[in-house]
Amino acid sequence: MIAVLQRVSEGKVTVEDRVTGEIETGLVILLGVAQGDTEADAEFLADRIAGFRIFNDDEGKMNRSIRDVNGEALVISQFTLAGDWRKGRRPSFTSAAPPEEGERLYKYFCEKLTQLKVPVKTGEFGAMMKVSLVNDGPVTFVMDSHQQRISEPKRLAQV
């Protein structure tokens, strides 16, 4: 499971002309569910995100979590995060979870965040959405539940 976190001062998602989720201070989380992901992946990411200290304290240091700043999360499903771009010029999405499983784990992740006292707003699973946000910092992190062990970050292949 892959989550792209963006610290924001505001975020909004619309489907057609209808706003489905809108937040002020918090995180816009793009969530991609891959084949083989489980509830354990969702739980790991929800727990890590709820306590992740990426909001500034009074001295301007990243020392506060989303809960510490009374922030909200805007969680948007994005199956393209599970896409494979390495072969050819057109991405393959065969490693993304099937829609039913992706939706189930997406909802499970949102429930876990809520249980961890992070208010959650959402997009609409499977819909064509428009996402707007003001990235605060900019601060952006990518979390992959399959890379839980601490190791040297992977580098992009040299071209």
Foldseek 3Di string as FASTA:
>chain_A
DKKKKFFFQKKWKDFPNHTQDIWGGDIEIEDFAFPPDDLVLLLVVLVCQQAPQQDQDPVGDSGGHCVRVVGAYEYEYDNCVCWDCPDDHDIDSNGGDPQVVSVVSSVSSQVSNVVSVHHYTYDDRPGDMDMDTGGVPRDMDMDDSVPPDDDPDDDDDDD
